[in-house]
Amino acid sequence: MNDYSIIIGAGLLPNINKLYPLTAYSKIAVITDAKVAPLYLKNLLAKLPLAAATIIIPPGDGAKNIANVEKVWNQLLAFGCDRQSLVI
């Protein structure tokens, strides 16, 4: 089994290029919600070396369901994400 890292914390956006070798990925996808997107999405996308797929889901616990997971999977597949893709 391959290992992968999950990084969670405050103040990560300015240093995203130090956290991950961004040019080593085949695709980059960003998953966020409709409340967070207006606050951070533009700045994040500006720091990425590739055009990223942007997937915006509804905010709140009500959006945490299998139907939305399926929508996210389908959008990742439509963008061509694979095992060498980075999901933020």
Foldseek 3Di string as FASTA:
>chain_A
DDDDDDDDDPPCQVVVVVVDVQVQAPAEEEEEEPVCCVVPVVSNCVPHPDRHHYHYFHDDPVRPDPVNVVVVVVSCVVVPHDPRYHYD
